[in-house]
N, C-alpha and C. Protein backbone atom coordinates (compact mmCIF):
# COMPACT_ATOMS: atom_id res chain seq x y z
N UNK A 1 2.85 10.70 0.66
CA UNK A 1 2.29 10.58 1.99
C UNK A 1 3.37 10.99 2.97
N UNK A 2 3.25 12.17 3.55
CA UNK A 2 4.28 12.67 4.44
C UNK A 2 3.97 12.33 5.92
N UNK A 3 2.73 12.38 6.30
CA UNK A 3 2.33 12.02 7.64
C UNK A 3 0.84 11.77 7.62
N UNK A 4 0.28 11.12 8.64
CA UNK A 4 -1.14 10.84 8.64
C UNK A 4 -2.02 12.08 8.47
N UNK A 5 -1.55 13.24 8.87
CA UNK A 5 -2.37 14.44 8.81
C UNK A 5 -2.24 15.26 7.53
N UNK A 6 -1.23 15.00 6.70
CA UNK A 6 -0.99 15.80 5.50
C UNK A 6 -1.15 14.92 4.26
N UNK A 7 -2.26 15.05 3.56
CA UNK A 7 -2.52 14.18 2.44
C UNK A 7 -2.43 14.98 1.14
N UNK A 8 -1.74 14.43 0.18
CA UNK A 8 -1.70 15.01 -1.15
C UNK A 8 -2.76 14.38 -2.03
N UNK A 9 -2.97 13.05 -1.82
CA UNK A 9 -3.94 12.31 -2.62
C UNK A 9 -5.11 11.90 -1.72
N UNK A 10 -6.32 11.86 -2.32
CA UNK A 10 -7.49 11.41 -1.59
C UNK A 10 -7.29 9.96 -1.19
N UNK A 11 -7.64 9.63 0.04
CA UNK A 11 -7.48 8.30 0.61
C UNK A 11 -8.81 7.62 0.65
N UNK A 12 -8.82 6.32 0.31
CA UNK A 12 -10.03 5.50 0.27
C UNK A 12 -9.88 4.32 1.19
N UNK A 13 -10.93 4.04 1.94
CA UNK A 13 -10.95 2.83 2.77
C UNK A 13 -11.06 1.62 1.84
N UNK A 14 -10.09 0.75 1.89
CA UNK A 14 -10.12 -0.44 1.04
C UNK A 14 -9.29 -1.52 1.70
N UNK A 15 -9.89 -2.68 1.83
CA UNK A 15 -9.22 -3.83 2.41
C UNK A 15 -8.90 -4.85 1.32
N UNK A 16 -7.61 -5.03 1.11
CA UNK A 16 -7.15 -6.02 0.13
C UNK A 16 -6.10 -6.90 0.83
N UNK A 17 -6.17 -8.21 0.67
CA UNK A 17 -5.08 -9.04 1.16
C UNK A 17 -3.80 -8.69 0.45
N UNK A 18 -2.71 -8.73 1.17
CA UNK A 18 -1.41 -8.41 0.55
C UNK A 18 -0.32 -9.18 1.29
N UNK A 19 0.85 -9.12 0.76
CA UNK A 19 2.01 -9.78 1.38
C UNK A 19 3.17 -8.80 1.39
N UNK A 20 3.73 -8.57 2.58
CA UNK A 20 4.94 -7.77 2.69
C UNK A 20 6.12 -8.71 2.42
N UNK A 21 7.01 -8.30 1.50
CA UNK A 21 8.18 -9.06 1.16
C UNK A 21 9.37 -8.44 1.88
N UNK A 22 9.68 -9.00 3.06
CA UNK A 22 10.70 -8.44 3.92
C UNK A 22 11.96 -9.29 3.83
N UNK A 23 13.14 -8.75 4.21
CA UNK A 23 14.37 -9.56 4.17
C UNK A 23 14.25 -10.86 4.97
N UNK A 24 13.49 -10.87 6.02
CA UNK A 24 13.36 -12.06 6.85
C UNK A 24 12.27 -13.04 6.36
N UNK A 25 11.56 -12.64 5.30
CA UNK A 25 10.57 -13.52 4.74
C UNK A 25 9.26 -12.80 4.39
N UNK A 26 8.30 -13.55 3.91
CA UNK A 26 7.02 -12.99 3.53
C UNK A 26 6.08 -12.98 4.71
N UNK A 27 5.32 -11.86 4.82
CA UNK A 27 4.39 -11.66 5.90
C UNK A 27 3.00 -11.34 5.32
N UNK A 28 2.01 -12.19 5.63
CA UNK A 28 0.64 -11.91 5.16
C UNK A 28 0.10 -10.71 5.91
N UNK A 29 -0.59 -9.84 5.20
CA UNK A 29 -1.11 -8.59 5.78
C UNK A 29 -2.38 -8.19 5.05
N UNK A 30 -2.88 -7.02 5.34
CA UNK A 30 -4.06 -6.50 4.68
C UNK A 30 -3.94 -4.97 4.61
N UNK A 31 -4.43 -4.40 3.54
CA UNK A 31 -4.48 -2.92 3.45
C UNK A 31 -5.65 -2.43 4.24
N UNK A 32 -5.56 -1.22 4.79
CA UNK A 32 -6.68 -0.56 5.47
C UNK A 32 -7.23 0.54 4.59
N UNK A 33 -6.33 1.27 3.94
CA UNK A 33 -6.72 2.33 3.04
C UNK A 33 -5.62 2.57 2.02
N UNK A 34 -6.00 3.29 0.94
CA UNK A 34 -5.04 3.47 -0.14
C UNK A 34 -5.33 4.80 -0.84
N UNK A 35 -4.30 5.29 -1.51
CA UNK A 35 -4.40 6.46 -2.37
C UNK A 35 -3.41 6.27 -3.50
N UNK A 36 -3.32 7.21 -4.42
CA UNK A 36 -2.31 7.10 -5.49
C UNK A 36 -0.90 7.30 -4.95
N UNK A 37 -0.80 7.84 -3.72
CA UNK A 37 0.51 8.08 -3.15
C UNK A 37 1.04 6.96 -2.29
N UNK A 38 0.14 6.12 -1.77
CA UNK A 38 0.57 5.04 -0.89
C UNK A 38 -0.59 4.36 -0.23
N UNK A 39 -0.27 3.60 0.79
CA UNK A 39 -1.34 2.88 1.51
C UNK A 39 -0.90 2.52 2.92
N UNK A 40 -1.92 2.16 3.71
CA UNK A 40 -1.62 1.69 5.08
C UNK A 40 -1.81 0.19 5.06
N UNK A 41 -0.81 -0.49 5.62
CA UNK A 41 -0.82 -1.96 5.71
C UNK A 41 -0.92 -2.36 7.17
N UNK A 42 -1.99 -3.12 7.48
CA UNK A 42 -2.12 -3.63 8.82
C UNK A 42 -1.21 -4.84 8.97
N UNK A 43 -0.31 -4.74 9.93
CA UNK A 43 0.65 -5.82 10.19
C UNK A 43 1.27 -5.59 11.57
N UNK A 44 1.66 -6.70 12.21
CA UNK A 44 2.38 -6.60 13.45
C UNK A 44 3.87 -6.89 13.22
N UNK A 45 4.24 -7.11 11.96
CA UNK A 45 5.65 -7.37 11.61
C UNK A 45 6.51 -6.17 11.98
N UNK A 46 7.73 -6.44 12.37
CA UNK A 46 8.66 -5.36 12.68
C UNK A 46 9.24 -4.83 11.38
N UNK A 47 8.85 -3.59 11.03
CA UNK A 47 9.31 -2.97 9.79
C UNK A 47 10.00 -1.67 10.21
N UNK A 48 11.17 -1.41 9.71
CA UNK A 48 11.98 -0.25 10.10
C UNK A 48 11.48 1.01 9.41
N UNK A 49 11.29 2.08 10.22
CA UNK A 49 10.89 3.38 9.65
C UNK A 49 11.93 3.82 8.67
N UNK A 50 11.49 4.28 7.50
CA UNK A 50 12.40 4.78 6.46
C UNK A 50 12.90 3.70 5.52
N UNK A 51 12.63 2.44 5.85
CA UNK A 51 13.11 1.37 4.97
C UNK A 51 12.22 1.23 3.72
N UNK A 52 12.79 0.62 2.71
CA UNK A 52 12.05 0.34 1.48
C UNK A 52 11.65 -1.11 1.54
N UNK A 53 10.39 -1.37 1.27
CA UNK A 53 9.86 -2.72 1.27
C UNK A 53 9.14 -2.99 -0.04
N UNK A 54 8.90 -4.24 -0.30
CA UNK A 54 8.07 -4.65 -1.45
C UNK A 54 6.76 -5.18 -0.90
N UNK A 55 5.71 -4.90 -1.63
CA UNK A 55 4.36 -5.34 -1.27
C UNK A 55 3.75 -6.03 -2.46
N UNK A 56 3.26 -7.24 -2.27
CA UNK A 56 2.60 -7.96 -3.34
C UNK A 56 1.09 -7.88 -3.06
N UNK A 57 0.34 -7.40 -4.03
CA UNK A 57 -1.11 -7.22 -3.88
C UNK A 57 -1.80 -7.48 -5.21
N UNK A 58 -3.02 -7.98 -5.16
CA UNK A 58 -3.82 -8.14 -6.36
C UNK A 58 -4.83 -6.99 -6.41
N UNK A 59 -4.62 -6.04 -7.34
CA UNK A 59 -5.57 -4.96 -7.54
C UNK A 59 -6.73 -5.53 -8.34
N UNK A 60 -7.99 -5.27 -7.91
CA UNK A 60 -9.14 -5.94 -8.53
C UNK A 60 -9.25 -5.88 -10.03
N UNK A 61 -8.77 -4.81 -10.66
CA UNK A 61 -8.89 -4.68 -12.10
C UNK A 61 -7.83 -5.49 -12.88
N UNK A 62 -6.89 -6.05 -12.14
CA UNK A 62 -5.78 -6.78 -12.79
C UNK A 62 -5.96 -8.28 -12.65
N UNK A 63 -5.34 -9.01 -13.54
CA UNK A 63 -5.46 -10.46 -13.53
C UNK A 63 -4.31 -11.17 -12.85
N UNK A 64 -3.36 -10.40 -12.39
CA UNK A 64 -2.23 -10.99 -11.68
C UNK A 64 -1.79 -10.05 -10.57
N UNK A 65 -0.99 -10.58 -9.65
CA UNK A 65 -0.49 -9.77 -8.56
C UNK A 65 0.49 -8.72 -9.05
N UNK A 66 0.52 -7.59 -8.38
CA UNK A 66 1.49 -6.55 -8.62
C UNK A 66 2.46 -6.56 -7.44
N UNK A 67 3.73 -6.30 -7.71
CA UNK A 67 4.71 -6.13 -6.66
C UNK A 67 5.10 -4.65 -6.68
N UNK A 68 4.78 -3.96 -5.61
CA UNK A 68 4.96 -2.51 -5.54
C UNK A 68 6.08 -2.18 -4.54
N UNK A 69 6.89 -1.20 -4.84
CA UNK A 69 7.91 -0.72 -3.91
C UNK A 69 7.27 0.37 -3.04
N UNK A 70 7.63 0.36 -1.77
CA UNK A 70 7.12 1.39 -0.87
C UNK A 70 8.15 1.71 0.19
N UNK A 71 8.10 2.95 0.68
CA UNK A 71 8.96 3.43 1.74
C UNK A 71 8.12 3.62 2.99
N UNK A 72 8.57 3.10 4.12
CA UNK A 72 7.86 3.24 5.37
C UNK A 72 7.97 4.67 5.85
N UNK A 73 6.82 5.37 5.82
CA UNK A 73 6.82 6.80 6.18
C UNK A 73 6.28 7.06 7.57
N UNK A 74 5.50 6.09 8.12
CA UNK A 74 5.03 6.17 9.48
C UNK A 74 4.62 4.81 9.95
N UNK A 75 4.63 4.67 11.30
CA UNK A 75 4.31 3.37 11.93
C UNK A 75 3.33 3.60 13.08
N UNK A 76 2.48 2.62 13.29
CA UNK A 76 1.60 2.55 14.47
C UNK A 76 1.76 1.12 15.03
N UNK A 77 1.21 0.85 16.16
CA UNK A 77 1.27 -0.52 16.70
C UNK A 77 0.57 -1.55 15.80
N UNK A 78 -0.37 -1.08 14.97
CA UNK A 78 -1.10 -2.04 14.15
C UNK A 78 -0.74 -2.00 12.67
N UNK A 79 0.32 -1.25 12.27
CA UNK A 79 0.70 -1.27 10.88
C UNK A 79 1.67 -0.19 10.50
N UNK A 80 1.82 -0.06 9.15
CA UNK A 80 2.77 0.91 8.60
C UNK A 80 2.12 1.65 7.42
N UNK A 81 2.49 2.94 7.31
CA UNK A 81 2.11 3.75 6.17
C UNK A 81 3.21 3.68 5.13
N UNK A 82 2.88 3.25 3.94
CA UNK A 82 3.86 3.14 2.88
C UNK A 82 3.63 4.20 1.81
N UNK A 83 4.70 4.85 1.40
CA UNK A 83 4.64 5.77 0.24
C UNK A 83 5.15 4.98 -0.95
N UNK A 84 4.36 4.98 -2.04
CA UNK A 84 4.75 4.22 -3.22
C UNK A 84 6.03 4.78 -3.82
N UNK A 85 6.82 3.90 -4.37
CA UNK A 85 7.95 4.30 -5.23
C UNK A 85 7.33 4.53 -6.62
N UNK A 86 8.05 4.13 -7.64
CA UNK A 86 7.53 4.29 -9.02
C UNK A 86 6.44 3.23 -9.28
N UNK A 87 5.28 3.71 -9.75
CA UNK A 87 4.23 2.82 -10.18
C UNK A 87 4.19 2.75 -11.70
N UNK A 88 3.91 1.58 -12.24
CA UNK A 88 3.72 1.45 -13.67
C UNK A 88 2.39 2.06 -14.03
N UNK A 89 2.22 2.45 -15.29
CA UNK A 89 0.97 3.04 -15.74
C UNK A 89 -0.20 2.11 -15.51
N UNK A 90 -0.02 0.80 -15.69
CA UNK A 90 -1.09 -0.16 -15.48
C UNK A 90 -1.55 -0.18 -14.02
N UNK A 91 -0.61 0.01 -13.10
CA UNK A 91 -0.97 0.03 -11.69
C UNK A 91 -1.69 1.31 -11.31
N UNK A 92 -1.30 2.43 -11.87
CA UNK A 92 -2.02 3.67 -11.64
C UNK A 92 -3.45 3.52 -12.16
N UNK A 93 -3.59 2.97 -13.35
CA UNK A 93 -4.93 2.74 -13.93
C UNK A 93 -5.77 1.82 -13.01
N UNK A 94 -5.15 0.71 -12.55
CA UNK A 94 -5.87 -0.23 -11.69
C UNK A 94 -6.29 0.43 -10.36
N UNK A 95 -5.43 1.26 -9.81
CA UNK A 95 -5.81 1.96 -8.58
C UNK A 95 -6.96 2.92 -8.83
N UNK A 96 -6.88 3.66 -9.96
CA UNK A 96 -7.98 4.59 -10.30
C UNK A 96 -9.27 3.84 -10.52
N UNK A 97 -9.25 2.66 -11.13
CA UNK A 97 -10.42 1.84 -11.32
C UNK A 97 -11.03 1.46 -9.97
N UNK A 98 -10.14 1.03 -9.07
CA UNK A 98 -10.55 0.67 -7.70
C UNK A 98 -11.26 1.86 -7.01
N UNK A 99 -10.64 3.01 -7.08
CA UNK A 99 -11.19 4.18 -6.40
C UNK A 99 -12.52 4.59 -7.02
N UNK A 100 -12.65 4.48 -8.34
CA UNK A 100 -13.96 4.76 -8.97
C UNK A 100 -15.04 3.82 -8.47
N UNK A 101 -14.69 2.55 -8.29
CA UNK A 101 -15.68 1.57 -7.84
C UNK A 101 -16.09 1.85 -6.38
N UNK A 102 -15.28 2.58 -5.66
CA UNK A 102 -15.57 2.92 -4.26
C UNK A 102 -16.29 4.26 -4.16
N UNK A 103 -16.56 4.89 -5.30
CA UNK A 103 -17.28 6.14 -5.29
C UNK A 103 -16.40 7.37 -5.32
N UNK A 104 -15.13 7.15 -5.69
CA UNK A 104 -14.20 8.28 -5.72
C UNK A 104 -14.06 8.86 -7.08
């Protein structure tokens, strides 16, 4: 995910509760959309552009939370766009299952 206008992966509208794990503590948030490359997290937390953060989220096909690494690639007043770091195969599978359920 390089910018909001240049997409490599198809993006799907999906709202999932999540938690940003920031140095100053945990912040409850929600996803707005997602792709295999990253996602947008709605939050008013102060997150530094270019920083690496951890995101805890329960993907519907999984039985436990996943903790995903992401880099802040863009910011708006209502959230941040995160580019995923390395995803495990199970997380890629779970994301693909989610996108299939949304008609993708």
